[in-house]
């Protein structure tokens, strides 16, 4: 067991609600819930999902044209 002098030097842990009040339910209701935010978030996620699906399909159908290099050097045989 620790001596009384060591116990007085240790910092006291703060209450958990003081650091993140909304995490532990103490600050419930601090932020307004707006239906517009839900709709915008939903539409943004749908758009991101569609882009993740559509872009690879378009890239697979239309690959970049390969450039065929023509050599300007001729081989000299001895």
PDB file of N, CA and C in Angstrom:
ATOM      1  N   UNK A   1       0.838  -1.172   0.000  1.00  0.00           N
ATOM      2  CA  UNK A   1       0.000   0.000   0.000  1.00  0.00           C
ATOM      3  C   UNK A   1       0.883   1.235   0.000  1.00  0.00           C
ATOM      4  N   UNK A   2       0.474   2.244  -0.728  1.00  0.00           N
ATOM      5  CA  UNK A   2       1.272   3.456  -0.865  1.00  0.00           C
ATOM      6  C   UNK A   2       1.195   4.285   0.408  1.00  0.00           C
ATOM      7  N   UNK A   3       2.279   4.990   0.652  1.00  0.00           N
ATOM      8  CA  UNK A   3       2.311   5.840   1.836  1.00  0.00           C
ATOM      9  C   UNK A   3       1.426   7.063   1.608  1.00  0.00           C
ATOM     10  N   UNK A   4       0.971   7.706   2.673  1.00  0.00           N
ATOM     11  CA  UNK A   4       0.090   8.880   2.534  1.00  0.00           C
ATOM     12  C   UNK A   4       0.744  10.025   1.775  1.00  0.00           C
ATOM     13  N   UNK A   5       2.072  10.160   1.852  1.00  0.00           N
ATOM     14  CA  UNK A   5       2.730  11.258   1.155  1.00  0.00           C
ATOM     15  C   UNK A   5       2.677  11.051  -0.362  1.00  0.00           C
ATOM     16  N   UNK A   6       2.749   9.796  -0.827  1.00  0.00           N
ATOM     17  CA  UNK A   6       2.666   9.519  -2.252  1.00  0.00           C
ATOM     18  C   UNK A   6       1.244   9.704  -2.770  1.00  0.00           C
ATOM     19  N   UNK A   7       0.273   9.359  -1.947  1.00  0.00           N
ATOM     20  CA  UNK A   7      -1.111   9.482  -2.380  1.00  0.00           C
ATOM     21  C   UNK A   7      -1.514  10.938  -2.577  1.00  0.00           C
ATOM     22  N   UNK A   8      -0.976  11.846  -1.799  1.00  0.00           N
ATOM     23  CA  UNK A   8      -1.353  13.252  -1.925  1.00  0.00           C
ATOM     24  C   UNK A   8      -0.744  13.885  -3.179  1.00  0.00           C
ATOM     25  N   UNK A   9       0.359  13.329  -3.695  1.00  0.00           N
ATOM     26  CA  UNK A   9       1.016  13.896  -4.871  1.00  0.00           C
ATOM     27  C   UNK A   9       0.369  13.441  -6.180  1.00  0.00           C
ATOM     28  N   UNK A  10      -0.346  12.342  -6.160  1.00  0.00           N
ATOM     29  CA  UNK A  10      -0.958  11.844  -7.385  1.00  0.00           C
ATOM     30  C   UNK A  10      -2.119  12.746  -7.798  1.00  0.00           C
ATOM     31  N   UNK A  11      -2.219  13.046  -9.090  1.00  0.00           N
ATOM     32  CA  UNK A  11      -3.334  13.898  -9.532  1.00  0.00           C
ATOM     33  C   UNK A  11      -4.655  13.137  -9.454  1.00  0.00           C
ATOM     34  N   UNK A  12      -5.689  13.860  -9.146  1.00  0.00           N
ATOM     35  CA  UNK A  12      -7.019  13.251  -9.060  1.00  0.00           C
ATOM     36  C   UNK A  12      -7.598  13.145 -10.458  1.00  0.00           C
ATOM     37  N   UNK A  13      -8.121  11.993 -10.784  1.00  0.00           N
ATOM     38  CA  UNK A  13      -8.758  11.888 -12.104  1.00  0.00           C
ATOM     39  C   UNK A  13     -10.049  12.691 -12.127  1.00  0.00           C
ATOM     40  N   UNK A  14     -10.246  13.429 -13.239  1.00  0.00           N
ATOM     41  CA  UNK A  14     -11.470  14.207 -13.386  1.00  0.00           C
ATOM     42  C   UNK A  14     -12.642  13.294 -13.698  1.00  0.00           C
ATOM     43  N   UNK A  15     -13.800  13.821 -13.547  1.00  0.00           N
ATOM     44  CA  UNK A  15     -14.967  13.019 -13.899  1.00  0.00           C
ATOM     45  C   UNK A  15     -15.018  12.857 -15.401  1.00  0.00           C
ATOM     46  N   UNK A  16     -15.507  11.745 -15.857  1.00  0.00           N
ATOM     47  CA  UNK A  16     -15.521  11.457 -17.282  1.00  0.00           C
ATOM     48  C   UNK A  16     -16.464  12.393 -18.032  1.00  0.00           C
ATOM     49  N   UNK A  17     -17.494  12.841 -17.415  1.00  0.00           N
ATOM     50  CA  UNK A  17     -18.458  13.706 -18.073  1.00  0.00           C
ATOM     51  C   UNK A  17     -17.921  15.094 -18.385  1.00  0.00           C
ATOM     52  N   UNK A  18     -16.890  15.531 -17.654  1.00  0.00           N
ATOM     53  CA  UNK A  18     -16.327  16.855 -17.887  1.00  0.00           C
ATOM     54  C   UNK A  18     -15.531  16.897 -19.189  1.00  0.00           C
ATOM     55  N   UNK A  19     -14.912  15.795 -19.557  1.00  0.00           N
ATOM     56  CA  UNK A  19     -14.071  15.788 -20.744  1.00  0.00           C
ATOM     57  C   UNK A  19     -14.929  15.677 -22.004  1.00  0.00           C
ATOM     58  N   UNK A  20     -15.774  14.668 -22.083  1.00  0.00           N
ATOM     59  CA  UNK A  20     -16.638  14.452 -23.237  1.00  0.00           C
ATOM     60  C   UNK A  20     -18.084  14.291 -22.753  1.00  0.00           C
ATOM     61  N   UNK A  21     -18.763  15.383 -22.524  1.00  0.00           N
ATOM     62  CA  UNK A  21     -20.095  15.264 -21.927  1.00  0.00           C
ATOM     63  C   UNK A  21     -21.102  14.553 -22.823  1.00  0.00           C
ATOM     64  N   UNK A  22     -20.992  14.707 -24.142  1.00  0.00           N
ATOM     65  CA  UNK A  22     -21.974  14.063 -25.014  1.00  0.00           C
ATOM     66  C   UNK A  22     -21.717  12.572 -25.157  1.00  0.00           C
ATOM     67  N   UNK A  23     -20.480  12.135 -24.901  1.00  0.00           N
ATOM     68  CA  UNK A  23     -20.163  10.724 -25.022  1.00  0.00           C
ATOM     69  C   UNK A  23     -20.871   9.904 -23.949  1.00  0.00           C
ATOM     70  N   UNK A  24     -20.979  10.441 -22.770  1.00  0.00           N
ATOM     71  CA  UNK A  24     -21.573   9.705 -21.660  1.00  0.00           C
ATOM     72  C   UNK A  24     -23.024  10.087 -21.402  1.00  0.00           C
ATOM     73  N   UNK A  25     -23.629  10.844 -22.290  1.00  0.00           N
ATOM     74  CA  UNK A  25     -25.047  11.147 -22.194  1.00  0.00           C
ATOM     75  C   UNK A  25     -25.393  12.347 -21.344  1.00  0.00           C
ATOM     76  N   UNK A  26     -24.412  12.961 -20.719  1.00  0.00           N
ATOM     77  CA  UNK A  26     -24.694  14.106 -19.860  1.00  0.00           C
ATOM     78  C   UNK A  26     -25.108  15.325 -20.666  1.00  0.00           C
ATOM     79  N   UNK A  27     -24.534  15.494 -21.845  1.00  0.00           N
ATOM     80  CA  UNK A  27     -24.824  16.661 -22.666  1.00  0.00           C
ATOM     81  C   UNK A  27     -25.844  16.384 -23.754  1.00  0.00           C
ATOM     82  N   UNK A  28     -26.685  15.384 -23.551  1.00  0.00           N
ATOM     83  CA  UNK A  28     -27.690  15.061 -24.566  1.00  0.00           C
ATOM     84  C   UNK A  28     -28.619  16.253 -24.744  1.00  0.00           C
ATOM     85  N   UNK A  29     -28.835  16.652 -25.958  1.00  0.00           N
ATOM     86  CA  UNK A  29     -29.694  17.797 -26.227  1.00  0.00           C
ATOM     87  C   UNK A  29     -28.935  19.092 -26.417  1.00  0.00           C
ATOM     88  N   UNK A  30     -27.606  19.041 -26.349  1.00  0.00           N
ATOM     89  CA  UNK A  30     -26.815  20.256 -26.568  1.00  0.00           C
ATOM     90  C   UNK A  30     -26.861  20.711 -28.017  1.00  0.00           C
ATOM     91  N   UNK A  31     -27.031  19.765 -28.930  1.00  0.00           N
ATOM     92  CA  UNK A  31     -27.002  20.080 -30.349  1.00  0.00           C
ATOM     93  C   UNK A  31     -28.383  19.867 -30.949  1.00  0.00           C
ATOM     94  N   UNK A  32     -28.766  20.791 -31.821  1.00  0.00           N
ATOM     95  CA  UNK A  32     -30.049  20.664 -32.491  1.00  0.00           C
ATOM     96  C   UNK A  32     -29.989  19.552 -33.529  1.00  0.00           C
ATOM     97  N   UNK A  33     -31.065  18.805 -33.621  1.00  0.00           N
ATOM     98  CA  UNK A  33     -31.184  17.774 -34.642  1.00  0.00           C
ATOM     99  C   UNK A  33     -32.072  18.343 -35.732  1.00  0.00           C
ATOM    100  N   UNK A  34     -31.498  18.482 -36.919  1.00  0.00           N
ATOM    101  CA  UNK A  34     -32.249  19.048 -38.029  1.00  0.00           C
ATOM    102  C   UNK A  34     -32.443  17.981 -39.096  1.00  0.00           C
ATOM    103  N   UNK A  35     -33.646  17.838 -39.607  1.00  0.00           N
ATOM    104  CA  UNK A  35     -33.879  16.846 -40.661  1.00  0.00           C
ATOM    105  C   UNK A  35     -33.069  17.133 -41.924  1.00  0.00           C
ATOM    106  N   UNK A  36     -32.783  18.398 -42.194  1.00  0.00           N
ATOM    107  CA  UNK A  36     -31.983  18.750 -43.378  1.00  0.00           C
ATOM    108  C   UNK A  36     -30.601  18.115 -43.323  1.00  0.00           C
ATOM    109  N   UNK A  37     -29.996  18.086 -42.138  1.00  0.00           N
ATOM    110  CA  UNK A  37     -28.668  17.493 -42.010  1.00  0.00           C
ATOM    111  C   UNK A  37     -28.707  16.007 -42.355  1.00  0.00           C
ATOM    112  N   UNK A  38     -29.744  15.326 -41.921  1.00  0.00           N
ATOM    113  CA  UNK A  38     -29.875  13.905 -42.237  1.00  0.00           C
ATOM    114  C   UNK A  38     -30.021  13.705 -43.739  1.00  0.00           C
ATOM    115  N   UNK A  39     -30.842  14.520 -44.373  1.00  0.00           N
ATOM    116  CA  UNK A  39     -31.072  14.390 -45.815  1.00  0.00           C
ATOM    117  C   UNK A  39     -29.787  14.678 -46.580  1.00  0.00           C
ATOM    118  N   UNK A  40     -29.071  15.737 -46.228  1.00  0.00           N
ATOM    119  CA  UNK A  40     -27.829  16.066 -46.915  1.00  0.00           C
ATOM    120  C   UNK A  40     -26.785  14.967 -46.728  1.00  0.00           C
ATOM    121  N   UNK A  41     -26.687  14.438 -45.532  1.00  0.00           N
ATOM    122  CA  UNK A  41     -25.739  13.359 -45.269  1.00  0.00           C
ATOM    123  C   UNK A  41     -26.106  12.115 -46.072  1.00  0.00           C
ATOM    124  N   UNK A  42     -27.386  11.776 -46.103  1.00  0.00           N
ATOM    125  CA  UNK A  42     -27.847  10.606 -46.845  1.00  0.00           C
ATOM    126  C   UNK A  42     -27.538  10.755 -48.335  1.00  0.00           C
ATOM    127  N   UNK A  43     -27.857  11.910 -48.900  1.00  0.00           N
ATOM    128  CA  UNK A  43     -27.608  12.129 -50.328  1.00  0.00           C
ATOM    129  C   UNK A  43     -26.106  12.141 -50.648  1.00  0.00           C
ATOM    130  N   UNK A  44     -25.315  12.690 -49.771  1.00  0.00           N
ATOM    131  CA  UNK A  44     -23.868  12.712 -49.979  1.00  0.00           C
ATOM    132  C   UNK A  44     -23.297  11.293 -49.967  1.00  0.00           C
ATOM    133  N   UNK A  45     -23.773  10.459 -49.050  1.00  0.00           N
ATOM    134  CA  UNK A  45     -23.300   9.082 -48.990  1.00  0.00           C
ATOM    135  C   UNK A  45     -23.751   8.287 -50.218  1.00  0.00           C
ATOM    136  N   UNK A  46     -24.965   8.535 -50.689  1.00  0.00           N
ATOM    137  CA  UNK A  46     -25.443   7.851 -51.893  1.00  0.00           C
ATOM    138  C   UNK A  46     -24.587   8.268 -53.092  1.00  0.00           C
ATOM    139  N   UNK A  47     -24.297   9.559 -53.229  1.00  0.00           N
ATOM    140  CA  UNK A  47     -23.474  10.054 -54.325  1.00  0.00           C
ATOM    141  C   UNK A  47     -22.070   9.456 -54.266  1.00  0.00           C
ATOM    142  N   UNK A  48     -21.479   9.401 -53.094  1.00  0.00           N
ATOM    143  CA  UNK A  48     -20.137   8.824 -52.950  1.00  0.00           C
ATOM    144  C   UNK A  48     -20.151   7.337 -53.318  1.00  0.00           C
ATOM    145  N   UNK A  49     -21.174   6.615 -52.895  1.00  0.00           N
ATOM    146  CA  UNK A  49     -21.273   5.202 -53.238  1.00  0.00           C
ATOM    147  C   UNK A  49     -21.421   4.984 -54.735  1.00  0.00           C
ATOM    148  N   UNK A  50     -22.233   5.807 -55.373  1.00  0.00           N
ATOM    149  CA  UNK A  50     -22.399   5.688 -56.821  1.00  0.00           C
ATOM    150  C   UNK A  50     -21.097   5.983 -57.562  1.00  0.00           C
ATOM    151  N   UNK A  51     -20.368   6.992 -57.111  1.00  0.00           N
ATOM    152  CA  UNK A  51     -19.094   7.309 -57.748  1.00  0.00           C
ATOM    153  C   UNK A  51     -18.093   6.171 -57.578  1.00  0.00           C
ATOM    154  N   UNK A  52     -18.097   5.540 -56.419  1.00  0.00           N
ATOM    155  CA  UNK A  52     -17.180   4.419 -56.181  1.00  0.00           C
ATOM    156  C   UNK A  52     -17.506   3.251 -57.104  1.00  0.00           C
ATOM    157  N   UNK A  53     -18.776   3.074 -57.443  1.00  0.00           N
ATOM    158  CA  UNK A  53     -19.180   1.979 -58.331  1.00  0.00           C
ATOM    159  C   UNK A  53     -19.016   2.366 -59.803  1.00  0.00           C
ATOM    160  N   UNK A  54     -19.383   3.578 -60.170  1.00  0.00           N
ATOM    161  CA  UNK A  54     -19.432   3.965 -61.584  1.00  0.00           C
ATOM    162  C   UNK A  54     -18.045   4.261 -62.165  1.00  0.00           C
ATOM    163  N   UNK A  55     -17.186   4.923 -61.419  1.00  0.00           N
ATOM    164  CA  UNK A  55     -15.883   5.311 -61.959  1.00  0.00           C
ATOM    165  C   UNK A  55     -15.052   4.103 -62.405  1.00  0.00           C
ATOM    166  N   UNK A  56     -14.935   3.032 -61.619  1.00  0.00           N
ATOM    167  CA  UNK A  56     -14.172   1.877 -62.119  1.00  0.00           C
ATOM    168  C   UNK A  56     -14.805   1.229 -63.353  1.00  0.00           C
ATOM    169  N   UNK A  57     -16.126   1.235 -63.441  1.00  0.00           N
ATOM    170  CA  UNK A  57     -16.789   0.667 -64.615  1.00  0.00           C
ATOM    171  C   UNK A  57     -16.442   1.487 -65.857  1.00  0.00           C
ATOM    172  N   UNK A  58     -16.488   2.802 -65.745  1.00  0.00           N
ATOM    173  CA  UNK A  58     -16.147   3.657 -66.881  1.00  0.00           C
ATOM    174  C   UNK A  58     -14.678   3.519 -67.278  1.00  0.00           C
ATOM    175  N   UNK A  59     -13.817   3.391 -66.297  1.00  0.00           N
ATOM    176  CA  UNK A  59     -12.397   3.239 -66.603  1.00  0.00           C
ATOM    177  C   UNK A  59     -12.114   1.894 -67.260  1.00  0.00           C
ATOM    178  N   UNK A  60     -12.852   0.862 -66.899  1.00  0.00           N
ATOM    179  CA  UNK A  60     -12.643  -0.453 -67.504  1.00  0.00           C
ATOM    180  C   UNK A  60     -13.160  -0.471 -68.946  1.00  0.00           C
ATOM    181  N   UNK A  61     -14.232   0.242 -69.237  1.00  0.00           N
ATOM    182  CA  UNK A  61     -14.789   0.266 -70.587  1.00  0.00           C
ATOM    183  C   UNK A  61     -13.977   1.140 -71.530  1.00  0.00           C
ATOM    184  N   UNK A  62     -13.378   2.197 -71.022  1.00  0.00           N
ATOM    185  CA  UNK A  62     -12.642   3.143 -71.855  1.00  0.00           C
ATOM    186  C   UNK A  62     -11.195   3.259 -71.383  1.00  0.00           C
ATOM    187  N   UNK A  63     -10.381   2.241 -71.666  1.00  0.00           N
ATOM    188  CA  UNK A  63      -8.984   2.349 -71.215  1.00  0.00           C
ATOM    189  C   UNK A  63      -8.237   3.407 -72.008  1.00  0.00           C
ATOM    190  N   UNK A  64      -7.173   3.890 -71.450  1.00  0.00           N
ATOM    191  CA  UNK A  64      -6.368   4.906 -72.129  1.00  0.00           C
ATOM    192  C   UNK A  64      -5.717   4.287 -73.362  1.00  0.00           C
ATOM    193  N   UNK A  65      -5.691   5.007 -74.480  1.00  0.00           N
ATOM    194  CA  UNK A  65      -5.048   4.445 -75.677  1.00  0.00           C
ATOM    195  C   UNK A  65      -3.540   4.324 -75.466  1.00  0.00           C
ATOM    196  N   UNK A  66      -3.000   3.215 -75.932  1.00  0.00           N
ATOM    197  CA  UNK A  66      -1.561   3.000 -75.798  1.00  0.00           C
ATOM    198  C   UNK A  66      -0.860   3.690 -76.964  1.00  0.00           C
ATOM    199  N   UNK A  67       0.194   4.377 -76.651  1.00  0.00           N
ATOM    200  CA  UNK A  67       0.963   5.074 -77.669  1.00  0.00           C
ATOM    201  C   UNK A  67       2.055   4.125 -78.147  1.00  0.00           C
ATOM    202  N   UNK A  68       2.040   3.822 -79.445  1.00  0.00           N
ATOM    203  CA  UNK A  68       3.042   2.944 -80.015  1.00  0.00           C
ATOM    204  C   UNK A  68       4.201   3.801 -80.515  1.00  0.00           C
ATOM    205  N   UNK A  69       5.335   3.632 -79.918  1.00  0.00           N
ATOM    206  CA  UNK A  69       6.515   4.415 -80.292  1.00  0.00           C
ATOM    207  C   UNK A  69       7.155   3.813 -81.534  1.00  0.00           C
ATOM    208  N   UNK A  70       7.521   4.652 -82.427  1.00  0.00           N
ATOM    209  CA  UNK A  70       8.198   4.223 -83.649  1.00  0.00           C
ATOM    210  C   UNK A  70       9.671   4.577 -83.492  1.00  0.00           C
ATOM    211  N   UNK A  71      10.482   3.580 -83.669  1.00  0.00           N
ATOM    212  CA  UNK A  71      11.914   3.791 -83.510  1.00  0.00           C
ATOM    213  C   UNK A  71      12.468   4.514 -84.739  1.00  0.00           C
ATOM    214  N   UNK A  72      13.286   5.520 -84.524  1.00  0.00           N
ATOM    215  CA  UNK A  72      13.915   6.256 -85.617  1.00  0.00           C
ATOM    216  C   UNK A  72      15.344   5.775 -85.855  1.00  0.00           C
ATOM    217  N   UNK A  73      15.774   4.837 -85.055  1.00  0.00           N
ATOM    218  CA  UNK A  73      17.128   4.314 -85.194  1.00  0.00           C
ATOM    219  C   UNK A  73      17.095   3.062 -86.077  1.00  0.00           C
ATOM    220  N   UNK A  74      18.085   2.930 -86.895  1.00  0.00           N
ATOM    221  CA  UNK A  74      18.228   1.721 -87.707  1.00  0.00           C
ATOM    222  C   UNK A  74      19.476   0.971 -87.258  1.00  0.00           C
ATOM    223  N   UNK A  75      19.360  -0.309 -87.279  1.00  0.00           N
ATOM    224  CA  UNK A  75      20.478  -1.135 -86.827  1.00  0.00           C
ATOM    225  C   UNK A  75      21.458  -1.304 -87.986  1.00  0.00           C
ATOM    226  N   UNK A  76      22.690  -0.996 -87.726  1.00  0.00           N
ATOM    227  CA  UNK A  76      23.737  -1.160 -88.743  1.00  0.00           C
ATOM    228  C   UNK A  76      24.404  -2.507 -88.535  1.00  0.00           C
ATOM    229  N   UNK A  77      24.350  -3.318 -89.522  1.00  0.00           N
ATOM    230  CA  UNK A  77      24.987  -4.614 -89.389  1.00  0.00           C
ATOM    231  C   UNK A  77      26.401  -4.544 -89.957  1.00  0.00           C
ATOM    232  N   UNK A  78      27.368  -5.234 -89.380  1.00  0.00           N
ATOM    233  CA  UNK A  78      28.770  -5.145 -89.826  1.00  0.00           C
ATOM    234  C   UNK A  78      29.033  -5.830 -91.143  1.00  0.00           C
TER     235      UNK A  78
END
